[in-house]
Amino acid sequence: MMATCHCTRCRKVGAATFVFVVRENFRLVAGEDAIAIYMPEDGYRYTRSFCSKCGSALGEIGGNGESFPIPANCFDDPLDLSVRFHEFVAEKPDWLPICDQAKQFDRHPVSN
C-alpha cells in the first residue's frame, strides 16, 4: 500500500510518499549496521530510520510493527501502486496541492 504523509517531519526528510511493507515479507540484504534511528515526538507514531553513510531516509525499517513505511524513493524498480490516502493533511502547506482523489485525513487514519 502507498500513502502520502504531509506532516512537517516527513516533508523535512524529503520522503513524504511511503510504501507500507508487511514485516514478514521484508528482508534487509545489506547495510543494517549503517541504519540510524530518530525517535518521534509526541503525537507522531513512527520512528525515522536513515542511512548513517549516505543520509537516505529509510522510513521505519528498524521498528517492530507488523507493517512499516519505507519511502517510495528508496525503491529502484517501478512500483505497481498508487497513493491510497493522504495523512496529516492538517499540516500540509498551501504550496503543496493534492492532485488525486485518494482519501484525506487530518492526522493518522487509524487511532491507537
PDB file of N, CA and C in Angstrom:
ATOM      1  N   MET A   1       0.843  -1.164   0.000  1.00  0.00           N
ATOM      2  CA  MET A   1       0.000   0.000   0.000  1.00  0.00           C
ATOM      3  C   MET A   1       0.893   1.234   0.000  1.00  0.00           C
ATOM      4  N   MET A   2       0.462   2.260  -0.685  1.00  0.00           N
ATOM      5  CA  MET A   2       1.208   3.509  -0.766  1.00  0.00           C
ATOM      6  C   MET A   2       0.344   4.641  -0.213  1.00  0.00           C
ATOM      7  N   ALA A   3       0.980   5.554   0.524  1.00  0.00           N
ATOM      8  CA  ALA A   3       0.278   6.714   1.071  1.00  0.00           C
ATOM      9  C   ALA A   3       1.238   7.898   1.118  1.00  0.00           C
ATOM     10  N   THR A   4       0.668   9.092   1.224  1.00  0.00           N
ATOM     11  CA  THR A   4       1.485  10.294   1.336  1.00  0.00           C
ATOM     12  C   THR A   4       1.196  10.969   2.661  1.00  0.00           C
ATOM     13  N   CYS A   5       2.260  11.267   3.391  1.00  0.00           N
ATOM     14  CA  CYS A   5       2.147  11.973   4.660  1.00  0.00           C
ATOM     15  C   CYS A   5       2.564  13.420   4.436  1.00  0.00           C
ATOM     16  N   HIS A   6       1.775  14.333   4.963  1.00  0.00           N
ATOM     17  CA  HIS A   6       2.051  15.754   4.796  1.00  0.00           C
ATOM     18  C   HIS A   6       2.546  16.414   6.074  1.00  0.00           C
ATOM     19  N   CYS A   7       2.934  15.598   7.079  1.00  0.00           N
ATOM     20  CA  CYS A   7       3.423  16.177   8.332  1.00  0.00           C
ATOM     21  C   CYS A   7       4.766  16.862   8.090  1.00  0.00           C
ATOM     22  N   THR A   8       5.104  17.768   8.997  1.00  0.00           N
ATOM     23  CA  THR A   8       6.346  18.517   8.839  1.00  0.00           C
ATOM     24  C   THR A   8       7.565  17.599   8.884  1.00  0.00           C
ATOM     25  N   ARG A   9       7.517  16.549   9.677  1.00  0.00           N
ATOM     26  CA  ARG A   9       8.653  15.627   9.784  1.00  0.00           C
ATOM     27  C   ARG A   9       8.924  14.935   8.453  1.00  0.00           C
ATOM     28  N   CYS A  10       7.906  14.391   7.835  1.00  0.00           N
ATOM     29  CA  CYS A  10       8.105  13.671   6.563  1.00  0.00           C
ATOM     30  C   CYS A  10       8.565  14.619   5.464  1.00  0.00           C
ATOM     31  N   ARG A  11       8.002  15.813   5.430  1.00  0.00           N
ATOM     32  CA  ARG A  11       8.432  16.772   4.411  1.00  0.00           C
ATOM     33  C   ARG A  11       9.890  17.140   4.591  1.00  0.00           C
ATOM     34  N   LYS A  12      10.345  17.259   5.825  1.00  0.00           N
ATOM     35  CA  LYS A  12      11.734  17.666   6.065  1.00  0.00           C
ATOM     36  C   LYS A  12      12.744  16.617   5.621  1.00  0.00           C
ATOM     37  N   VAL A  13      12.370  15.347   5.655  1.00  0.00           N
ATOM     38  CA  VAL A  13      13.303  14.315   5.188  1.00  0.00           C
ATOM     39  C   VAL A  13      13.157  14.063   3.693  1.00  0.00           C
ATOM     40  N   GLY A  14      12.249  14.790   3.045  1.00  0.00           N
ATOM     41  CA  GLY A  14      12.090  14.678   1.602  1.00  0.00           C
ATOM     42  C   GLY A  14      11.522  13.345   1.151  1.00  0.00           C
ATOM     43  N   ALA A  15      10.738  12.721   2.028  1.00  0.00           N
ATOM     44  CA  ALA A  15      10.218  11.386   1.712  1.00  0.00           C
ATOM     45  C   ALA A  15       8.784  11.274   2.200  1.00  0.00           C
ATOM     46  N   ALA A  16       7.899  12.034   1.626  1.00  0.00           N
ATOM     47  CA  ALA A  16       6.530  12.070   2.113  1.00  0.00           C
ATOM     48  C   ALA A  16       5.643  10.963   1.551  1.00  0.00           C
ATOM     49  N   THR A  17       5.998  10.336   0.444  1.00  0.00           N
ATOM     50  CA  THR A  17       5.206   9.233  -0.091  1.00  0.00           C
ATOM     51  C   THR A  17       5.870   7.927   0.313  1.00  0.00           C
ATOM     52  N   PHE A  18       5.089   7.097   1.007  1.00  0.00           N
ATOM     53  CA  PHE A  18       5.594   5.868   1.588  1.00  0.00           C
ATOM     54  C   PHE A  18       4.907   4.645   1.021  1.00  0.00           C
ATOM     55  N   VAL A  19       5.631   3.546   1.021  1.00  0.00           N
ATOM     56  CA  VAL A  19       5.069   2.232   0.718  1.00  0.00           C
ATOM     57  C   VAL A  19       5.050   1.481   2.047  1.00  0.00           C
ATOM     58  N   PHE A  20       3.882   0.974   2.427  1.00  0.00           N
ATOM     59  CA  PHE A  20       3.782   0.211   3.661  1.00  0.00           C
ATOM     60  C   PHE A  20       4.088  -1.246   3.359  1.00  0.00           C
ATOM     61  N   VAL A  21       5.054  -1.795   4.097  1.00  0.00           N
ATOM     62  CA  VAL A  21       5.585  -3.132   3.858  1.00  0.00           C
ATOM     63  C   VAL A  21       5.192  -4.042   5.017  1.00  0.00           C
ATOM     64  N   VAL A  22       4.768  -5.255   4.710  1.00  0.00           N
ATOM     65  CA  VAL A  22       4.480  -6.254   5.737  1.00  0.00           C
ATOM     66  C   VAL A  22       5.820  -6.832   6.189  1.00  0.00           C
ATOM     67  N   ARG A  23       6.074  -6.754   7.498  1.00  0.00           N
ATOM     68  CA  ARG A  23       7.381  -7.149   8.035  1.00  0.00           C
ATOM     69  C   ARG A  23       7.792  -8.556   7.617  1.00  0.00           C
ATOM     70  N   GLU A  24       6.886  -9.513   7.658  1.00  0.00           N
ATOM     71  CA  GLU A  24       7.255 -10.896   7.320  1.00  0.00           C
ATOM     72  C   GLU A  24       7.642 -11.058   5.858  1.00  0.00           C
ATOM     73  N   ASN A  25       7.302 -10.080   5.013  1.00  0.00           N
ATOM     74  CA  ASN A  25       7.669 -10.129   3.598  1.00  0.00           C
ATOM     75  C   ASN A  25       8.926  -9.322   3.279  1.00  0.00           C
ATOM     76  N   PHE A  26       9.526  -8.731   4.307  1.00  0.00           N
ATOM     77  CA  PHE A  26      10.675  -7.849   4.113  1.00  0.00           C
ATOM     78  C   PHE A  26      11.961  -8.546   4.544  1.00  0.00           C
ATOM     79  N   ARG A  27      12.999  -8.363   3.732  1.00  0.00           N
ATOM     80  CA  ARG A  27      14.310  -8.912   4.068  1.00  0.00           C
ATOM     81  C   ARG A  27      15.356  -7.860   3.744  1.00  0.00           C
ATOM     82  N   LEU A  28      16.087  -7.435   4.748  1.00  0.00           N
ATOM     83  CA  LEU A  28      17.179  -6.494   4.566  1.00  0.00           C
ATOM     84  C   LEU A  28      18.404  -7.299   4.160  1.00  0.00           C
ATOM     85  N   VAL A  29      18.965  -7.026   2.989  1.00  0.00           N
ATOM     86  CA  VAL A  29      20.064  -7.844   2.470  1.00  0.00           C
ATOM     87  C   VAL A  29      21.448  -7.276   2.782  1.00  0.00           C
ATOM     88  N   ALA A  30      21.531  -6.003   3.135  1.00  0.00           N
ATOM     89  CA  ALA A  30      22.837  -5.412   3.449  1.00  0.00           C
ATOM     90  C   ALA A  30      22.636  -4.070   4.145  1.00  0.00           C
ATOM     91  N   GLY A  31      23.644  -3.636   4.874  1.00  0.00           N
ATOM     92  CA  GLY A  31      23.672  -2.288   5.424  1.00  0.00           C
ATOM     93  C   GLY A  31      23.007  -2.084   6.769  1.00  0.00           C
ATOM     94  N   GLU A  32      22.623  -3.149   7.444  1.00  0.00           N
ATOM     95  CA  GLU A  32      21.937  -2.988   8.728  1.00  0.00           C
ATOM     96  C   GLU A  32      22.780  -2.196   9.733  1.00  0.00           C
ATOM     97  N   ASP A  33      24.089  -2.367   9.693  1.00  0.00           N
ATOM     98  CA  ASP A  33      24.972  -1.673  10.625  1.00  0.00           C
ATOM     99  C   ASP A  33      25.017  -0.158  10.394  1.00  0.00           C
ATOM    100  N   ALA A  34      24.555   0.313   9.246  1.00  0.00           N
ATOM    101  CA  ALA A  34      24.582   1.739   8.930  1.00  0.00           C
ATOM    102  C   ALA A  34      23.255   2.439   9.236  1.00  0.00           C
ATOM    103  N   ILE A  35      22.252   1.701   9.716  1.00  0.00           N
ATOM    104  CA  ILE A  35      20.943   2.300   9.976  1.00  0.00           C
ATOM    105  C   ILE A  35      20.966   3.048  11.306  1.00  0.00           C
ATOM    106  N   ALA A  36      20.588   4.314  11.265  1.00  0.00           N
ATOM    107  CA  ALA A  36      20.455   5.147  12.462  1.00  0.00           C
ATOM    108  C   ALA A  36      18.966   5.431  12.659  1.00  0.00           C
ATOM    109  N   ILE A  37      18.562   5.672  13.908  1.00  0.00           N
ATOM    110  CA  ILE A  37      17.140   5.849  14.215  1.00  0.00           C
ATOM    111  C   ILE A  37      16.915   7.166  14.950  1.00  0.00           C
ATOM    112  N   TYR A  38      15.891   7.886  14.523  1.00  0.00           N
ATOM    113  CA  TYR A  38      15.446   9.122  15.158  1.00  0.00           C
ATOM    114  C   TYR A  38      14.086   8.849  15.791  1.00  0.00           C
ATOM    115  N   MET A  39      13.936   9.066  17.091  1.00  0.00           N
ATOM    116  CA  MET A  39      12.692   8.774  17.808  1.00  0.00           C
ATOM    117  C   MET A  39      11.669   9.889  17.577  1.00  0.00           C
ATOM    118  N   PRO A  40      10.369   9.530  17.479  1.00  0.00           N
ATOM    119  CA  PRO A  40       9.327  10.533  17.213  1.00  0.00           C
ATOM    120  C   PRO A  40       8.978  11.356  18.448  1.00  0.00           C
ATOM    121  N   GLU A  41       8.476  12.551  18.198  1.00  0.00           N
ATOM    122  CA  GLU A  41       7.937  13.395  19.255  1.00  0.00           C
ATOM    123  C   GLU A  41       6.517  12.928  19.555  1.00  0.00           C
ATOM    124  N   ASP A  42       5.948  13.365  20.663  1.00  0.00           N
ATOM    125  CA  ASP A  42       4.567  13.033  20.988  1.00  0.00           C
ATOM    126  C   ASP A  42       3.647  13.451  19.854  1.00  0.00           C
ATOM    127  N   GLY A  43       2.654  12.619  19.583  1.00  0.00           N
ATOM    128  CA  GLY A  43       1.700  12.895  18.515  1.00  0.00           C
ATOM    129  C   GLY A  43       2.040  12.236  17.199  1.00  0.00           C
ATOM    130  N   TYR A  44       3.250  11.700  17.091  1.00  0.00           N
ATOM    131  CA  TYR A  44       3.676  11.015  15.880  1.00  0.00           C
ATOM    132  C   TYR A  44       3.928   9.551  16.215  1.00  0.00           C
ATOM    133  N   ARG A  45       3.608   8.679  15.300  1.00  0.00           N
ATOM    134  CA  ARG A  45       3.656   7.254  15.550  1.00  0.00           C
ATOM    135  C   ARG A  45       5.002   6.632  15.235  1.00  0.00           C
ATOM    136  N   TYR A  46       5.609   6.981  14.153  1.00  0.00           N
ATOM    137  CA  TYR A  46       6.762   6.237  13.649  1.00  0.00           C
ATOM    138  C   TYR A  46       8.103   6.867  13.984  1.00  0.00           C
ATOM    139  N   THR A  47       9.086   6.008  14.290  1.00  0.00           N
ATOM    140  CA  THR A  47      10.462   6.465  14.373  1.00  0.00           C
ATOM    141  C   THR A  47      10.908   6.737  12.937  1.00  0.00           C
ATOM    142  N   ARG A  48      12.025   7.363  12.760  1.00  0.00           N
ATOM    143  CA  ARG A  48      12.569   7.585  11.422  1.00  0.00           C
ATOM    144  C   ARG A  48      13.932   6.937  11.359  1.00  0.00           C
ATOM    145  N   SER A  49      14.109   6.051  10.412  1.00  0.00           N
ATOM    146  CA  SER A  49      15.396   5.408  10.193  1.00  0.00           C
ATOM    147  C   SER A  49      16.045   6.058   8.981  1.00  0.00           C
ATOM    148  N   PHE A  50      17.370   6.129   9.011  1.00  0.00           N
ATOM    149  CA  PHE A  50      18.083   6.670   7.858  1.00  0.00           C
ATOM    150  C   PHE A  50      19.458   6.031   7.786  1.00  0.00           C
ATOM    151  N   CYS A  51      20.051   6.110   6.617  1.00  0.00           N
ATOM    152  CA  CYS A  51      21.380   5.562   6.418  1.00  0.00           C
ATOM    153  C   CYS A  51      22.399   6.557   6.967  1.00  0.00           C
ATOM    154  N   SER A  52      23.220   6.100   7.906  1.00  0.00           N
ATOM    155  CA  SER A  52      24.214   6.989   8.503  1.00  0.00           C
ATOM    156  C   SER A  52      25.389   7.260   7.564  1.00  0.00           C
ATOM    157  N   LYS A  53      25.457   6.542   6.440  1.00  0.00           N
ATOM    158  CA  LYS A  53      26.542   6.763   5.475  1.00  0.00           C
ATOM    159  C   LYS A  53      26.148   7.747   4.379  1.00  0.00           C
ATOM    160  N   CYS A  54      24.936   7.594   3.820  1.00  0.00           N
ATOM    161  CA  CYS A  54      24.545   8.479   2.715  1.00  0.00           C
ATOM    162  C   CYS A  54      23.409   9.430   3.073  1.00  0.00           C
ATOM    163  N   GLY A  55      22.741   9.201   4.223  1.00  0.00           N
ATOM    164  CA  GLY A  55      21.675  10.087   4.666  1.00  0.00           C
ATOM    165  C   GLY A  55      20.300   9.764   4.102  1.00  0.00           C
ATOM    166  N   SER A  56      20.177   8.723   3.292  1.00  0.00           N
ATOM    167  CA  SER A  56      18.870   8.384   2.713  1.00  0.00           C
ATOM    168  C   SER A  56      17.865   8.055   3.800  1.00  0.00           C
ATOM    169  N   ALA A  57      16.672   8.632   3.684  1.00  0.00           N
ATOM    170  CA  ALA A  57      15.586   8.309   4.601  1.00  0.00           C
ATOM    171  C   ALA A  57      15.129   6.882   4.320  1.00  0.00           C
ATOM    172  N   LEU A  58      14.982   6.073   5.367  1.00  0.00           N
ATOM    173  CA  LEU A  58      14.608   4.665   5.224  1.00  0.00           C
ATOM    174  C   LEU A  58      13.281   4.336   5.890  1.00  0.00           C
ATOM    175  N   GLY A  59      12.571   5.331   6.361  1.00  0.00           N
ATOM    176  CA  GLY A  59      11.284   5.088   6.991  1.00  0.00           C
ATOM    177  C   GLY A  59      11.422   4.400   8.325  1.00  0.00           C
ATOM    178  N   GLU A  60      10.678   3.323   8.524  1.00  0.00           N
ATOM    179  CA  GLU A  60      10.573   2.658   9.821  1.00  0.00           C
ATOM    180  C   GLU A  60      11.112   1.237   9.775  1.00  0.00           C
ATOM    181  N   ILE A  61      12.142   0.974   8.982  1.00  0.00           N
ATOM    182  CA  ILE A  61      12.616  -0.408   8.866  1.00  0.00           C
ATOM    183  C   ILE A  61      13.185  -0.942  10.171  1.00  0.00           C
ATOM    184  N   GLY A  62      13.535  -0.080  11.119  1.00  0.00           N
ATOM    185  CA  GLY A  62      14.071  -0.526  12.394  1.00  0.00           C
ATOM    186  C   GLY A  62      13.018  -0.768  13.455  1.00  0.00           C
ATOM    187  N   GLY A  63      11.744  -0.518  13.152  1.00  0.00           N
ATOM    188  CA  GLY A  63      10.683  -0.688  14.132  1.00  0.00           C
ATOM    189  C   GLY A  63      10.276  -2.141  14.292  1.00  0.00           C
ATOM    190  N   ASN A  64       9.273  -2.374  15.128  1.00  0.00           N
ATOM    191  CA  ASN A  64       8.857  -3.744  15.380  1.00  0.00           C
ATOM    192  C   ASN A  64       7.385  -3.996  15.071  1.00  0.00           C
ATOM    193  N   GLY A  65       6.732  -3.127  14.342  1.00  0.00           N
ATOM    194  CA  GLY A  65       5.335  -3.327  13.979  1.00  0.00           C
ATOM    195  C   GLY A  65       5.168  -4.413  12.925  1.00  0.00           C
ATOM    196  N   GLU A  66       3.933  -4.859  12.740  1.00  0.00           N
ATOM    197  CA  GLU A  66       3.642  -5.882  11.730  1.00  0.00           C
ATOM    198  C   GLU A  66       3.862  -5.356  10.317  1.00  0.00           C
ATOM    199  N   SER A  67       3.656  -4.058  10.146  1.00  0.00           N
ATOM    200  CA  SER A  67       3.965  -3.409   8.874  1.00  0.00           C
ATOM    201  C   SER A  67       4.630  -2.084   9.200  1.00  0.00           C
ATOM    202  N   PHE A  68       5.283  -1.508   8.219  1.00  0.00           N
ATOM    203  CA  PHE A  68       6.010  -0.264   8.438  1.00  0.00           C
ATOM    204  C   PHE A  68       6.184   0.457   7.116  1.00  0.00           C
ATOM    205  N   PRO A  69       6.374   1.788   7.168  1.00  0.00           N
ATOM    206  CA  PRO A  69       6.556   2.562   5.951  1.00  0.00           C
ATOM    207  C   PRO A  69       8.025   2.669   5.526  1.00  0.00           C
ATOM    208  N   ILE A  70       8.234   2.578   4.231  1.00  0.00           N
ATOM    209  CA  ILE A  70       9.536   2.844   3.610  1.00  0.00           C
ATOM    210  C   ILE A  70       9.287   3.911   2.551  1.00  0.00           C
ATOM    211  N   PRO A  71      10.091   4.981   2.504  1.00  0.00           N
ATOM    212  CA  PRO A  71       9.894   5.999   1.479  1.00  0.00           C
ATOM    213  C   PRO A  71       9.899   5.379   0.071  1.00  0.00           C
ATOM    214  N   ALA A  72       8.941   5.769  -0.731  1.00  0.00           N
ATOM    215  CA  ALA A  72       8.830   5.227  -2.091  1.00  0.00           C
ATOM    216  C   ALA A  72      10.089   5.489  -2.902  1.00  0.00           C
ATOM    217  N   ASN A  73      10.805   6.565  -2.608  1.00  0.00           N
ATOM    218  CA  ASN A  73      12.008   6.886  -3.376  1.00  0.00           C
ATOM    219  C   ASN A  73      13.175   5.950  -3.058  1.00  0.00           C
ATOM    220  N   CYS A  74      13.030   5.026  -2.105  1.00  0.00           N
ATOM    221  CA  CYS A  74      14.079   4.035  -1.809  1.00  0.00           C
ATOM    222  C   CYS A  74      14.074   2.868  -2.802  1.00  0.00           C
ATOM    223  N   PHE A  75      12.982   2.708  -3.510  1.00  0.00           N
ATOM    224  CA  PHE A  75      12.861   1.572  -4.420  1.00  0.00           C
ATOM    225  C   PHE A  75      13.451   1.908  -5.783  1.00  0.00           C
ATOM    226  N   ASP A  76      14.313   1.027  -6.278  1.00  0.00           N
ATOM    227  CA  ASP A  76      14.922   1.227  -7.593  1.00  0.00           C
ATOM    228  C   ASP A  76      13.996   0.800  -8.723  1.00  0.00           C
ATOM    229  N   ASP A  77      13.203  -0.232  -8.483  1.00  0.00           N
ATOM    230  CA  ASP A  77      12.317  -0.770  -9.517  1.00  0.00           C
ATOM    231  C   ASP A  77      10.968  -0.064  -9.480  1.00  0.00           C
ATOM    232  N   PRO A  78      10.265  -0.033 -10.610  1.00  0.00           N
ATOM    233  CA  PRO A  78       8.935   0.575 -10.644  1.00  0.00           C
ATOM    234  C   PRO A  78       7.999  -0.137  -9.668  1.00  0.00           C
ATOM    235  N   LEU A  79       7.078   0.633  -9.083  1.00  0.00           N
ATOM    236  CA  LEU A  79       6.087   0.089  -8.163  1.00  0.00           C
ATOM    237  C   LEU A  79       4.716   0.131  -8.829  1.00  0.00           C
ATOM    238  N   ASP A  80       4.003  -0.948  -8.765  1.00  0.00           N
ATOM    239  CA  ASP A  80       2.659  -1.009  -9.340  1.00  0.00           C
ATOM    240  C   ASP A  80       1.642  -0.618  -8.270  1.00  0.00           C
ATOM    241  N   LEU A  81       1.784   0.605  -7.749  1.00  0.00           N
ATOM    242  CA  LEU A  81       0.939   1.116  -6.669  1.00  0.00           C
ATOM    243  C   LEU A  81       0.559   2.553  -6.955  1.00  0.00           C
ATOM    244  N   SER A  82      -0.503   3.002  -6.326  1.00  0.00           N
ATOM    245  CA  SER A  82      -0.839   4.418  -6.353  1.00  0.00           C
ATOM    246  C   SER A  82      -1.221   4.825  -4.934  1.00  0.00           C
ATOM    247  N   VAL A  83      -1.201   6.107  -4.669  1.00  0.00           N
ATOM    248  CA  VAL A  83      -1.485   6.617  -3.333  1.00  0.00           C
ATOM    249  C   VAL A  83      -2.915   6.261  -2.937  1.00  0.00           C
ATOM    250  N   ARG A  84      -3.050   5.581  -1.781  1.00  0.00           N
ATOM    251  CA  ARG A  84      -4.365   5.180  -1.271  1.00  0.00           C
ATOM    252  C   ARG A  84      -4.965   6.255  -0.376  1.00  0.00           C
ATOM    253  N   PHE A  85      -4.111   6.975   0.371  1.00  0.00           N
ATOM    254  CA  PHE A  85      -4.614   8.044   1.235  1.00  0.00           C
ATOM    255  C   PHE A  85      -3.514   9.066   1.521  1.00  0.00           C
ATOM    256  N   HIS A  86      -3.953  10.215   2.025  1.00  0.00           N
ATOM    257  CA  HIS A  86      -3.068  11.297   2.479  1.00  0.00           C
ATOM    258  C   HIS A  86      -3.331  11.482   3.964  1.00  0.00           C
ATOM    259  N   GLU A  87      -2.245  11.512   4.770  1.00  0.00           N
ATOM    260  CA  GLU A  87      -2.420  11.744   6.203  1.00  0.00           C
ATOM    261  C   GLU A  87      -1.736  13.037   6.614  1.00  0.00           C
ATOM    262  N   PHE A  88      -2.116  13.540   7.771  1.00  0.00           N
ATOM    263  CA  PHE A  88      -1.618  14.815   8.302  1.00  0.00           C
ATOM    264  C   PHE A  88      -1.865  15.959   7.312  1.00  0.00           C
ATOM    265  N   VAL A  89      -3.015  15.914   6.659  1.00  0.00           N
ATOM    266  CA  VAL A  89      -3.381  16.970   5.714  1.00  0.00           C
ATOM    267  C   VAL A  89      -3.513  18.307   6.447  1.00  0.00           C
ATOM    268  N   ALA A  90      -3.818  18.263   7.740  1.00  0.00           N
ATOM    269  CA  ALA A  90      -3.915  19.496   8.539  1.00  0.00           C
ATOM    270  C   ALA A  90      -2.576  20.238   8.596  1.00  0.00           C
ATOM    271  N   GLU A  91      -1.459  19.538   8.354  1.00  0.00           N
ATOM    272  CA  GLU A  91      -0.132  20.164   8.371  1.00  0.00           C
ATOM    273  C   GLU A  91       0.393  20.472   6.969  1.00  0.00           C
ATOM    274  N   LYS A  92      -0.383  20.170   5.956  1.00  0.00           N
ATOM    275  CA  LYS A  92       0.053  20.369   4.572  1.00  0.00           C
ATOM    276  C   LYS A  92       0.209  21.861   4.277  1.00  0.00           C
ATOM    277  N   PRO A  93       1.329  22.255   3.681  1.00  0.00           N
ATOM    278  CA  PRO A  93       1.492  23.663   3.316  1.00  0.00           C
ATOM    279  C   PRO A  93       0.627  24.014   2.098  1.00  0.00           C
ATOM    280  N   ASP A  94       0.266  25.267   1.984  1.00  0.00           N
ATOM    281  CA  ASP A  94      -0.565  25.723   0.865  1.00  0.00           C
ATOM    282  C   ASP A  94       0.077  25.485  -0.497  1.00  0.00           C
ATOM    283  N   TRP A  95       1.407  25.507  -0.558  1.00  0.00           N
ATOM    284  CA  TRP A  95       2.101  25.363  -1.843  1.00  0.00           C
ATOM    285  C   TRP A  95       2.121  23.927  -2.357  1.00  0.00           C
ATOM    286  N   LEU A  96       1.606  22.962  -1.569  1.00  0.00           N
ATOM    287  CA  LEU A  96       1.629  21.560  -1.969  1.00  0.00           C
ATOM    288  C   LEU A  96       0.209  21.060  -2.232  1.00  0.00           C
ATOM    289  N   PRO A  97      -0.263  21.141  -3.475  1.00  0.00           N
ATOM    290  CA  PRO A  97      -1.628  20.694  -3.762  1.00  0.00           C
ATOM    291  C   PRO A  97      -1.727  19.162  -3.774  1.00  0.00           C
ATOM    292  N   ILE A  98      -2.883  18.670  -3.412  1.00  0.00           N
ATOM    293  CA  ILE A  98      -3.167  17.237  -3.544  1.00  0.00           C
ATOM    294  C   ILE A  98      -3.884  17.071  -4.872  1.00  0.00           C
ATOM    295  N   CYS A  99      -3.284  16.301  -5.765  1.00  0.00           N
ATOM    296  CA  CYS A  99      -3.772  16.221  -7.144  1.00  0.00           C
ATOM    297  C   CYS A  99      -4.342  14.849  -7.482  1.00  0.00           C
ATOM    298  N   ASP A 100      -4.901  14.162  -6.500  1.00  0.00           N
ATOM    299  CA  ASP A 100      -5.554  12.882  -6.773  1.00  0.00           C
ATOM    300  C   ASP A 100      -6.827  12.788  -5.936  1.00  0.00           C
ATOM    301  N   GLN A 101      -7.546  11.709  -6.085  1.00  0.00           N
ATOM    302  CA  GLN A 101      -8.818  11.536  -5.390  1.00  0.00           C
ATOM    303  C   GLN A 101      -8.705  10.614  -4.178  1.00  0.00           C
ATOM    304  N   ALA A 102      -7.486  10.350  -3.703  1.00  0.00           N
ATOM    305  CA  ALA A 102      -7.290   9.470  -2.548  1.00  0.00           C
ATOM    306  C   ALA A 102      -7.907  10.094  -1.297  1.00  0.00           C
ATOM    307  N   LYS A 103      -8.288   9.254  -0.342  1.00  0.00           N
ATOM    308  CA  LYS A 103      -8.868   9.726   0.919  1.00  0.00           C
ATOM    309  C   LYS A 103      -7.883  10.638   1.635  1.00  0.00           C
ATOM    310  N   GLN A 104      -8.419  11.565   2.416  1.00  0.00           N
ATOM    311  CA  GLN A 104      -7.591  12.514   3.157  1.00  0.00           C
ATOM    312  C   GLN A 104      -7.955  12.475   4.645  1.00  0.00           C
ATOM    313  N   PHE A 105      -6.932  12.522   5.497  1.00  0.00           N
ATOM    314  CA  PHE A 105      -7.113  12.508   6.945  1.00  0.00           C
ATOM    315  C   PHE A 105      -6.308  13.641   7.560  1.00  0.00           C
ATOM    316  N   ASP A 106      -6.908  14.334   8.535  1.00  0.00           N
ATOM    317  CA  ASP A 106      -6.205  15.429   9.208  1.00  0.00           C
ATOM    318  C   ASP A 106      -4.964  14.949   9.943  1.00  0.00           C
ATOM    319  N   ARG A 107      -5.006  13.737  10.526  1.00  0.00           N
ATOM    320  CA  ARG A 107      -3.870  13.152  11.228  1.00  0.00           C
ATOM    321  C   ARG A 107      -3.702  11.714  10.735  1.00  0.00           C
ATOM    322  N   HIS A 108      -3.353  10.777  11.629  1.00  0.00           N
ATOM    323  CA  HIS A 108      -3.252   9.374  11.241  1.00  0.00           C
ATOM    324  C   HIS A 108      -4.643   8.844  10.887  1.00  0.00           C
ATOM    325  N   PRO A 109      -4.748   7.999   9.894  1.00  0.00           N
ATOM    326  CA  PRO A 109      -6.067   7.456   9.537  1.00  0.00           C
ATOM    327  C   PRO A 109      -6.610   6.454  10.555  1.00  0.00           C
ATOM    328  N   VAL A 110      -5.724   5.868  11.360  1.00  0.00           N
ATOM    329  CA  VAL A 110      -6.141   4.892  12.366  1.00  0.00           C
ATOM    330  C   VAL A 110      -5.623   5.359  13.722  1.00  0.00           C
ATOM    331  N   SER A 111      -6.489   5.442  14.696  1.00  0.00           N
ATOM    332  CA  SER A 111      -6.070   5.860  16.036  1.00  0.00           C
ATOM    333  C   SER A 111      -5.710   4.664  16.879  1.00  0.00           C
ATOM    334  N   ASN A 112      -4.707   4.817  17.724  1.00  0.00           N
ATOM    335  CA  ASN A 112      -4.327   3.765  18.674  1.00  0.00           C
ATOM    336  C   ASN A 112      -4.889   4.099  20.024  1.00  0.00           C
TER     337      ASN A 112
END
